[in-house]
Amino acid sequence: MDAVRLILTSSRALAGSGGGGRTLTEVWQAQALAQAIGSRLAVSGPPELRGEALRLTELAGRGCGVLDTPDLDHGDLLAARLTELDDAREALLRLAELLGEVGIALVGVASSAADEGTYWQCMEAIDAADESRDRILEMLRKLAAREGVLREG
């Protein structure tokens, strides 16, 4: 499935998660998807994005790692469905939006957390999502610069 469709699916699931454990599952899914997209771009994306894409893969992996791994069937794992990344720019724009939504959702979960462990998981996941988003914005800047050079050339 195309990256943009998967990102939109993840965004809808996060919006409809209703808080608590379900939200943390959808946050984990979003981070795993960011990791998969970063990995795809690191391997086969434009050369100028590969370093930032590798860093995105690492950061999103950290975002998954700080959260409890949800009990999902392989077929329910959005990242496993990634087969196409046709429009890197559009995918990165949508992914940046999704990670912003992830941060907002995590603030909500953290503010209502019944235990300190969940609170700190959320804080670390917010940090990972924010840093991942920073890498995406840098990739978007590099793509814009590349497109500017291509238009001039």
N, C-alpha and C. Protein backbone atom coordinates (compact mmCIF):
# COMPACT_ATOMS: atom_id res chain seq x y z
N MET A 1 0.85 -1.17 0.00
CA MET A 1 0.00 0.00 0.00
C MET A 1 0.90 1.23 0.00
N ASP A 2 0.43 2.28 -0.61
CA ASP A 2 1.18 3.53 -0.72
C ASP A 2 1.33 4.20 0.65
N ALA A 3 2.48 4.82 0.87
CA ALA A 3 2.79 5.46 2.14
C ALA A 3 1.75 6.51 2.53
N VAL A 4 1.32 7.32 1.59
CA VAL A 4 0.36 8.39 1.92
C VAL A 4 -0.95 7.78 2.42
N ARG A 5 -1.43 6.74 1.78
CA ARG A 5 -2.67 6.08 2.24
C ARG A 5 -2.50 5.50 3.63
N LEU A 6 -1.35 4.91 3.90
CA LEU A 6 -1.10 4.35 5.23
C LEU A 6 -1.03 5.45 6.29
N ILE A 7 -0.43 6.56 5.95
CA ILE A 7 -0.35 7.67 6.90
C ILE A 7 -1.74 8.20 7.21
N LEU A 8 -2.56 8.34 6.19
CA LEU A 8 -3.94 8.80 6.40
C LEU A 8 -4.73 7.79 7.24
N THR A 9 -4.51 6.52 7.01
CA THR A 9 -5.16 5.48 7.80
C THR A 9 -4.73 5.58 9.26
N SER A 10 -3.45 5.79 9.48
CA SER A 10 -2.93 5.93 10.84
C SER A 10 -3.50 7.17 11.52
N SER A 11 -3.59 8.26 10.79
CA SER A 11 -4.13 9.50 11.35
C SER A 11 -5.59 9.33 11.78
N ARG A 12 -6.37 8.67 10.94
CA ARG A 12 -7.78 8.42 11.29
C ARG A 12 -7.90 7.52 12.51
N ALA A 13 -7.07 6.49 12.56
CA ALA A 13 -7.10 5.57 13.71
C ALA A 13 -6.70 6.30 14.99
N LEU A 14 -5.70 7.16 14.91
CA LEU A 14 -5.28 7.91 16.08
C LEU A 14 -6.39 8.85 16.54
N ALA A 15 -7.02 9.53 15.60
CA ALA A 15 -8.10 10.45 15.94
C ALA A 15 -9.28 9.72 16.58
N GLY A 16 -9.53 8.50 16.19
CA GLY A 16 -10.66 7.75 16.72
C GLY A 16 -10.32 6.84 17.88
N SER A 17 -9.11 6.94 18.40
CA SER A 17 -8.66 6.00 19.42
C SER A 17 -9.28 6.21 20.80
N GLY A 18 -9.72 7.42 21.10
CA GLY A 18 -10.43 7.66 22.34
C GLY A 18 -9.59 7.75 23.60
N GLY A 19 -8.28 7.73 23.48
CA GLY A 19 -7.44 7.91 24.66
C GLY A 19 -6.95 6.61 25.26
N GLY A 20 -6.07 6.74 26.24
CA GLY A 20 -5.55 5.60 26.98
C GLY A 20 -4.74 4.63 26.17
N GLY A 21 -4.92 3.35 26.48
CA GLY A 21 -4.16 2.28 25.84
C GLY A 21 -4.33 2.22 24.34
N ARG A 22 -5.53 2.47 23.87
CA ARG A 22 -5.75 2.43 22.41
C ARG A 22 -4.96 3.53 21.72
N THR A 23 -4.89 4.70 22.34
CA THR A 23 -4.10 5.79 21.78
C THR A 23 -2.63 5.41 21.73
N LEU A 24 -2.12 4.78 22.78
CA LEU A 24 -0.72 4.37 22.79
C LEU A 24 -0.44 3.33 21.70
N THR A 25 -1.41 2.47 21.43
CA THR A 25 -1.26 1.52 20.32
C THR A 25 -1.15 2.26 18.99
N GLU A 26 -2.01 3.25 18.79
CA GLU A 26 -1.98 4.00 17.52
C GLU A 26 -0.74 4.87 17.41
N VAL A 27 -0.24 5.37 18.53
CA VAL A 27 1.02 6.11 18.53
C VAL A 27 2.16 5.18 18.12
N TRP A 28 2.16 3.98 18.69
CA TRP A 28 3.18 3.00 18.33
C TRP A 28 3.10 2.68 16.84
N GLN A 29 1.89 2.51 16.32
CA GLN A 29 1.71 2.24 14.89
C GLN A 29 2.28 3.38 14.04
N ALA A 30 2.01 4.62 14.44
CA ALA A 30 2.49 5.79 13.70
C ALA A 30 4.02 5.84 13.71
N GLN A 31 4.61 5.55 14.86
CA GLN A 31 6.08 5.56 14.96
C GLN A 31 6.67 4.43 14.11
N ALA A 32 6.05 3.26 14.13
CA ALA A 32 6.54 2.15 13.31
C ALA A 32 6.43 2.48 11.83
N LEU A 33 5.38 3.18 11.45
CA LEU A 33 5.21 3.60 10.06
C LEU A 33 6.29 4.62 9.69
N ALA A 34 6.56 5.56 10.57
CA ALA A 34 7.63 6.54 10.32
C ALA A 34 8.97 5.83 10.17
N GLN A 35 9.18 4.82 10.98
CA GLN A 35 10.42 4.04 10.90
C GLN A 35 10.52 3.34 9.54
N ALA A 36 9.44 2.75 9.09
CA ALA A 36 9.44 2.04 7.81
C ALA A 36 9.66 3.01 6.64
N ILE A 37 9.03 4.16 6.69
CA ILE A 37 9.19 5.16 5.63
C ILE A 37 10.62 5.69 5.63
N GLY A 38 11.16 5.96 6.81
CA GLY A 38 12.55 6.39 6.90
C GLY A 38 13.49 5.36 6.33
N SER A 39 13.25 4.11 6.64
CA SER A 39 14.08 3.03 6.14
C SER A 39 14.02 2.95 4.61
N ARG A 40 12.82 3.06 4.08
CA ARG A 40 12.64 3.01 2.62
C ARG A 40 13.40 4.16 1.95
N LEU A 41 13.28 5.36 2.52
CA LEU A 41 13.98 6.52 1.94
C LEU A 41 15.49 6.39 2.10
N ALA A 42 15.95 5.81 3.21
CA ALA A 42 17.38 5.65 3.42
C ALA A 42 18.00 4.71 2.40
N VAL A 43 17.22 3.73 1.98
CA VAL A 43 17.73 2.74 1.03
C VAL A 43 17.56 3.18 -0.41
N SER A 44 16.38 3.73 -0.74
CA SER A 44 16.10 3.99 -2.15
C SER A 44 15.59 5.39 -2.45
N GLY A 45 15.67 6.29 -1.47
CA GLY A 45 15.22 7.65 -1.70
C GLY A 45 16.28 8.48 -2.38
N PRO A 46 15.97 9.74 -2.62
CA PRO A 46 16.96 10.65 -3.20
C PRO A 46 18.23 10.67 -2.34
N PRO A 47 19.39 10.66 -2.96
CA PRO A 47 20.65 10.59 -2.20
C PRO A 47 20.79 11.65 -1.11
N GLU A 48 20.33 12.85 -1.36
CA GLU A 48 20.49 13.91 -0.36
C GLU A 48 19.61 13.72 0.87
N LEU A 49 18.66 12.79 0.82
CA LEU A 49 17.78 12.53 1.96
C LEU A 49 18.24 11.35 2.80
N ARG A 50 19.14 10.58 2.31
CA ARG A 50 19.44 9.30 2.93
C ARG A 50 19.96 9.40 4.36
N GLY A 51 20.81 10.36 4.65
CA GLY A 51 21.32 10.52 6.01
C GLY A 51 20.22 10.89 6.99
N GLU A 52 19.39 11.87 6.61
CA GLU A 52 18.28 12.27 7.47
C GLU A 52 17.26 11.14 7.59
N ALA A 53 17.05 10.40 6.52
CA ALA A 53 16.10 9.28 6.55
C ALA A 53 16.58 8.19 7.50
N LEU A 54 17.86 7.94 7.51
CA LEU A 54 18.42 6.96 8.44
C LEU A 54 18.22 7.43 9.88
N ARG A 55 18.43 8.70 10.12
CA ARG A 55 18.22 9.26 11.46
C ARG A 55 16.74 9.16 11.84
N LEU A 56 15.83 9.42 10.89
CA LEU A 56 14.40 9.26 11.15
C LEU A 56 14.09 7.83 11.56
N THR A 57 14.68 6.88 10.87
CA THR A 57 14.46 5.46 11.19
C THR A 57 14.87 5.18 12.63
N GLU A 58 16.01 5.70 13.03
CA GLU A 58 16.51 5.49 14.40
C GLU A 58 15.60 6.16 15.43
N LEU A 59 15.20 7.39 15.17
CA LEU A 59 14.37 8.13 16.12
C LEU A 59 12.98 7.51 16.26
N ALA A 60 12.39 7.14 15.13
CA ALA A 60 11.06 6.52 15.18
C ALA A 60 11.15 5.16 15.86
N GLY A 61 12.25 4.45 15.66
CA GLY A 61 12.46 3.20 16.37
C GLY A 61 12.53 3.42 17.87
N ARG A 62 13.17 4.51 18.27
CA ARG A 62 13.21 4.85 19.69
C ARG A 62 11.81 5.16 20.20
N GLY A 63 11.01 5.84 19.35
CA GLY A 63 9.62 6.14 19.71
C GLY A 63 8.80 4.88 19.95
N CYS A 64 9.05 3.86 19.15
CA CYS A 64 8.38 2.57 19.37
C CYS A 64 8.93 1.90 20.62
N GLY A 65 10.24 1.98 20.81
CA GLY A 65 10.90 1.28 21.89
C GLY A 65 10.54 1.75 23.28
N VAL A 66 10.18 3.03 23.42
CA VAL A 66 9.83 3.54 24.75
C VAL A 66 8.41 3.16 25.15
N LEU A 67 7.61 2.76 24.19
CA LEU A 67 6.23 2.35 24.46
C LEU A 67 6.15 0.84 24.56
N ASP A 68 5.18 0.36 25.31
CA ASP A 68 4.94 -1.08 25.35
C ASP A 68 4.50 -1.53 23.97
N THR A 69 5.08 -2.61 23.49
CA THR A 69 4.73 -3.13 22.17
C THR A 69 3.31 -3.68 22.20
N PRO A 70 2.44 -3.16 21.33
CA PRO A 70 1.06 -3.65 21.34
C PRO A 70 0.97 -5.07 20.79
N ASP A 71 -0.06 -5.75 21.20
CA ASP A 71 -0.31 -7.11 20.72
C ASP A 71 -1.13 -7.01 19.43
N LEU A 72 -0.42 -6.97 18.31
CA LEU A 72 -1.07 -6.83 17.00
C LEU A 72 -0.75 -8.03 16.13
N ASP A 73 -1.72 -8.45 15.34
CA ASP A 73 -1.46 -9.45 14.32
C ASP A 73 -0.63 -8.79 13.23
N HIS A 74 0.17 -9.57 12.54
CA HIS A 74 1.01 -9.03 11.47
C HIS A 74 0.18 -8.25 10.45
N GLY A 75 -1.01 -8.72 10.14
CA GLY A 75 -1.88 -8.04 9.18
C GLY A 75 -2.39 -6.70 9.65
N ASP A 76 -2.37 -6.48 10.96
CA ASP A 76 -2.82 -5.20 11.52
C ASP A 76 -1.69 -4.18 11.61
N LEU A 77 -0.48 -4.59 11.35
CA LEU A 77 0.67 -3.70 11.45
C LEU A 77 0.77 -2.85 10.18
N LEU A 78 0.48 -1.56 10.32
CA LEU A 78 0.48 -0.67 9.15
C LEU A 78 1.83 -0.64 8.45
N ALA A 79 2.90 -0.60 9.21
CA ALA A 79 4.23 -0.51 8.61
C ALA A 79 4.53 -1.71 7.70
N ALA A 80 3.97 -2.87 8.03
CA ALA A 80 4.20 -4.07 7.23
C ALA A 80 3.48 -3.98 5.88
N ARG A 81 2.50 -3.10 5.78
CA ARG A 81 1.74 -2.95 4.53
C ARG A 81 2.40 -1.99 3.55
N LEU A 82 3.46 -1.31 3.96
CA LEU A 82 4.13 -0.34 3.09
C LEU A 82 4.78 -1.04 1.90
N THR A 83 4.28 -0.75 0.72
CA THR A 83 4.86 -1.33 -0.49
C THR A 83 5.30 -0.26 -1.48
N GLU A 84 4.76 0.94 -1.37
CA GLU A 84 5.07 2.00 -2.33
C GLU A 84 5.33 3.32 -1.62
N LEU A 85 6.25 4.07 -2.19
CA LEU A 85 6.53 5.42 -1.72
C LEU A 85 6.70 6.26 -2.98
N ASP A 86 5.58 6.50 -3.64
CA ASP A 86 5.60 7.15 -4.94
C ASP A 86 5.97 8.62 -4.87
N ASP A 87 5.47 9.33 -3.89
CA ASP A 87 5.69 10.77 -3.79
C ASP A 87 6.31 11.07 -2.42
N ALA A 88 7.64 11.14 -2.39
CA ALA A 88 8.34 11.34 -1.13
C ALA A 88 7.93 12.64 -0.46
N ARG A 89 7.78 13.70 -1.23
CA ARG A 89 7.42 15.00 -0.66
C ARG A 89 6.06 14.94 0.03
N GLU A 90 5.07 14.39 -0.65
CA GLU A 90 3.72 14.29 -0.08
C GLU A 90 3.72 13.38 1.15
N ALA A 91 4.43 12.27 1.06
CA ALA A 91 4.50 11.35 2.20
C ALA A 91 5.15 12.04 3.40
N LEU A 92 6.21 12.79 3.17
CA LEU A 92 6.88 13.47 4.27
C LEU A 92 6.01 14.57 4.87
N LEU A 93 5.30 15.31 4.03
CA LEU A 93 4.37 16.33 4.55
C LEU A 93 3.32 15.70 5.44
N ARG A 94 2.71 14.63 4.96
CA ARG A 94 1.67 13.94 5.73
C ARG A 94 2.23 13.30 7.00
N LEU A 95 3.43 12.76 6.91
CA LEU A 95 4.05 12.13 8.07
C LEU A 95 4.38 13.18 9.14
N ALA A 96 4.83 14.35 8.72
CA ALA A 96 5.09 15.44 9.68
C ALA A 96 3.79 15.82 10.40
N GLU A 97 2.70 15.90 9.66
CA GLU A 97 1.40 16.20 10.28
C GLU A 97 1.01 15.10 11.27
N LEU A 98 1.18 13.85 10.87
CA LEU A 98 0.83 12.73 11.74
C LEU A 98 1.64 12.77 13.03
N LEU A 99 2.93 13.04 12.93
CA LEU A 99 3.75 13.08 14.13
C LEU A 99 3.39 14.26 15.03
N GLY A 100 2.91 15.34 14.45
CA GLY A 100 2.37 16.43 15.27
C GLY A 100 1.13 15.98 16.03
N GLU A 101 0.26 15.24 15.35
CA GLU A 101 -0.93 14.68 15.99
C GLU A 101 -0.55 13.69 17.09
N VAL A 102 0.50 12.92 16.84
CA VAL A 102 1.00 11.97 17.84
C VAL A 102 1.39 12.71 19.11
N GLY A 103 2.13 13.80 18.95
CA GLY A 103 2.55 14.58 20.11
C GLY A 103 1.37 15.10 20.92
N ILE A 104 0.37 15.61 20.22
CA ILE A 104 -0.83 16.12 20.90
C ILE A 104 -1.56 14.99 21.63
N ALA A 105 -1.70 13.85 20.97
CA ALA A 105 -2.38 12.70 21.60
C ALA A 105 -1.62 12.23 22.84
N LEU A 106 -0.30 12.23 22.75
CA LEU A 106 0.50 11.79 23.89
C LEU A 106 0.40 12.75 25.07
N VAL A 107 0.28 14.03 24.80
CA VAL A 107 0.08 14.99 25.89
C VAL A 107 -1.21 14.67 26.62
N GLY A 108 -2.25 14.33 25.86
CA GLY A 108 -3.53 13.97 26.47
C GLY A 108 -3.42 12.73 27.33
N VAL A 109 -2.73 11.72 26.84
CA VAL A 109 -2.57 10.48 27.61
C VAL A 109 -1.72 10.74 28.86
N ALA A 110 -0.65 11.50 28.68
CA ALA A 110 0.24 11.79 29.82
C ALA A 110 -0.49 12.57 30.91
N SER A 111 -1.32 13.51 30.50
CA SER A 111 -2.00 14.34 31.50
C SER A 111 -3.05 13.57 32.29
N SER A 112 -3.51 12.47 31.75
CA SER A 112 -4.50 11.66 32.48
C SER A 112 -3.93 10.32 32.95
N ALA A 113 -2.62 10.17 32.86
CA ALA A 113 -1.99 8.89 33.23
C ALA A 113 -2.20 8.60 34.70
N ALA A 114 -2.56 7.36 34.97
CA ALA A 114 -2.81 6.94 36.35
C ALA A 114 -1.52 6.56 37.07
N ASP A 115 -0.46 6.34 36.31
CA ASP A 115 0.80 5.93 36.94
C ASP A 115 1.97 6.68 36.31
N GLU A 116 3.03 6.74 37.07
CA GLU A 116 4.22 7.48 36.65
C GLU A 116 4.90 6.84 35.44
N GLY A 117 4.87 5.51 35.35
CA GLY A 117 5.49 4.81 34.23
C GLY A 117 4.88 5.22 32.90
N THR A 118 3.55 5.27 32.84
CA THR A 118 2.87 5.68 31.61
C THR A 118 3.20 7.13 31.29
N TYR A 119 3.21 7.96 32.30
CA TYR A 119 3.53 9.38 32.10
C TYR A 119 4.91 9.52 31.44
N TRP A 120 5.92 8.83 31.97
CA TRP A 120 7.27 8.97 31.43
C TRP A 120 7.41 8.31 30.06
N GLN A 121 6.68 7.24 29.81
CA GLN A 121 6.65 6.66 28.46
C GLN A 121 6.17 7.70 27.47
N CYS A 122 5.11 8.39 27.85
CA CYS A 122 4.55 9.42 26.98
C CYS A 122 5.54 10.55 26.75
N MET A 123 6.21 10.99 27.79
CA MET A 123 7.17 12.08 27.66
C MET A 123 8.30 11.70 26.71
N GLU A 124 8.81 10.48 26.85
CA GLU A 124 9.89 10.02 25.96
C GLU A 124 9.39 9.84 24.53
N ALA A 125 8.16 9.37 24.38
CA ALA A 125 7.59 9.21 23.04
C ALA A 125 7.32 10.56 22.39
N ILE A 126 6.92 11.56 23.18
CA ILE A 126 6.73 12.92 22.65
C ILE A 126 8.07 13.43 22.12
N ASP A 127 9.12 13.24 22.88
CA ASP A 127 10.44 13.69 22.47
C ASP A 127 10.86 13.01 21.16
N ALA A 128 10.65 11.70 21.07
CA ALA A 128 11.01 10.97 19.84
C ALA A 128 10.19 11.45 18.65
N ALA A 129 8.89 11.67 18.85
CA ALA A 129 8.04 12.15 17.75
C ALA A 129 8.47 13.53 17.30
N ASP A 130 8.82 14.39 18.25
CA ASP A 130 9.25 15.74 17.93
C ASP A 130 10.57 15.73 17.15
N GLU A 131 11.51 14.92 17.61
CA GLU A 131 12.79 14.83 16.90
C GLU A 131 12.61 14.20 15.52
N SER A 132 11.73 13.22 15.41
CA SER A 132 11.43 12.61 14.11
C SER A 132 10.85 13.65 13.17
N ARG A 133 9.97 14.46 13.68
CA ARG A 133 9.35 15.52 12.87
C ARG A 133 10.41 16.51 12.41
N ASP A 134 11.36 16.84 13.27
CA ASP A 134 12.45 17.73 12.88
C ASP A 134 13.25 17.15 11.71
N ARG A 135 13.51 15.84 11.74
CA ARG A 135 14.24 15.20 10.63
C ARG A 135 13.42 15.29 9.35
N ILE A 136 12.12 15.09 9.46
CA ILE A 136 11.25 15.16 8.28
C ILE A 136 11.26 16.57 7.70
N LEU A 137 11.17 17.57 8.55
CA LEU A 137 11.20 18.96 8.06
C LEU A 137 12.53 19.26 7.37
N GLU A 138 13.62 18.71 7.88
CA GLU A 138 14.91 18.89 7.22
C GLU A 138 14.92 18.21 5.85
N MET A 139 14.33 17.03 5.75
CA MET A 139 14.24 16.35 4.46
C MET A 139 13.40 17.15 3.48
N LEU A 140 12.32 17.74 3.97
CA LEU A 140 11.49 18.57 3.11
C LEU A 140 12.25 19.80 2.61
N ARG A 141 13.09 20.40 3.47
CA ARG A 141 13.92 21.52 3.04
C ARG A 141 14.90 21.08 1.95
N LYS A 142 15.48 19.91 2.13
CA LYS A 142 16.43 19.41 1.13
C LYS A 142 15.73 19.10 -0.18
N LEU A 143 14.52 18.56 -0.11
CA LEU A 143 13.76 18.31 -1.34
C LEU A 143 13.43 19.61 -2.05
N ALA A 144 13.03 20.63 -1.29
CA ALA A 144 12.71 21.93 -1.89
C ALA A 144 13.94 22.53 -2.56
N ALA A 145 15.09 22.41 -1.92
CA ALA A 145 16.34 22.91 -2.51
C ALA A 145 16.68 22.15 -3.78
N ARG A 146 16.49 20.85 -3.74
CA ARG A 146 16.75 20.01 -4.92
C ARG A 146 15.84 20.40 -6.08
N GLU A 147 14.54 20.58 -5.77
CA GLU A 147 13.60 20.96 -6.82
C GLU A 147 13.91 22.33 -7.38
N GLY A 148 14.39 23.24 -6.54
CA GLY A 148 14.81 24.56 -7.01
C GLY A 148 15.98 24.46 -7.96
N VAL A 149 16.93 23.61 -7.66
CA VAL A 149 18.10 23.41 -8.53
C VAL A 149 17.65 22.77 -9.83
N LEU A 150 16.76 21.81 -9.77
CA LEU A 150 16.30 21.14 -10.99
C LEU A 150 15.56 22.11 -11.89
N ARG A 151 14.76 23.02 -11.32
CA ARG A 151 14.04 24.00 -12.12
C ARG A 151 14.97 24.99 -12.77
N GLU A 152 16.02 25.38 -12.05
CA GLU A 152 16.98 26.34 -12.58
C GLU A 152 17.85 25.72 -13.66
N GLY A 153 18.14 24.42 -13.51
CA GLY A 153 19.06 23.73 -14.42
C GLY A 153 18.41 23.43 -15.69
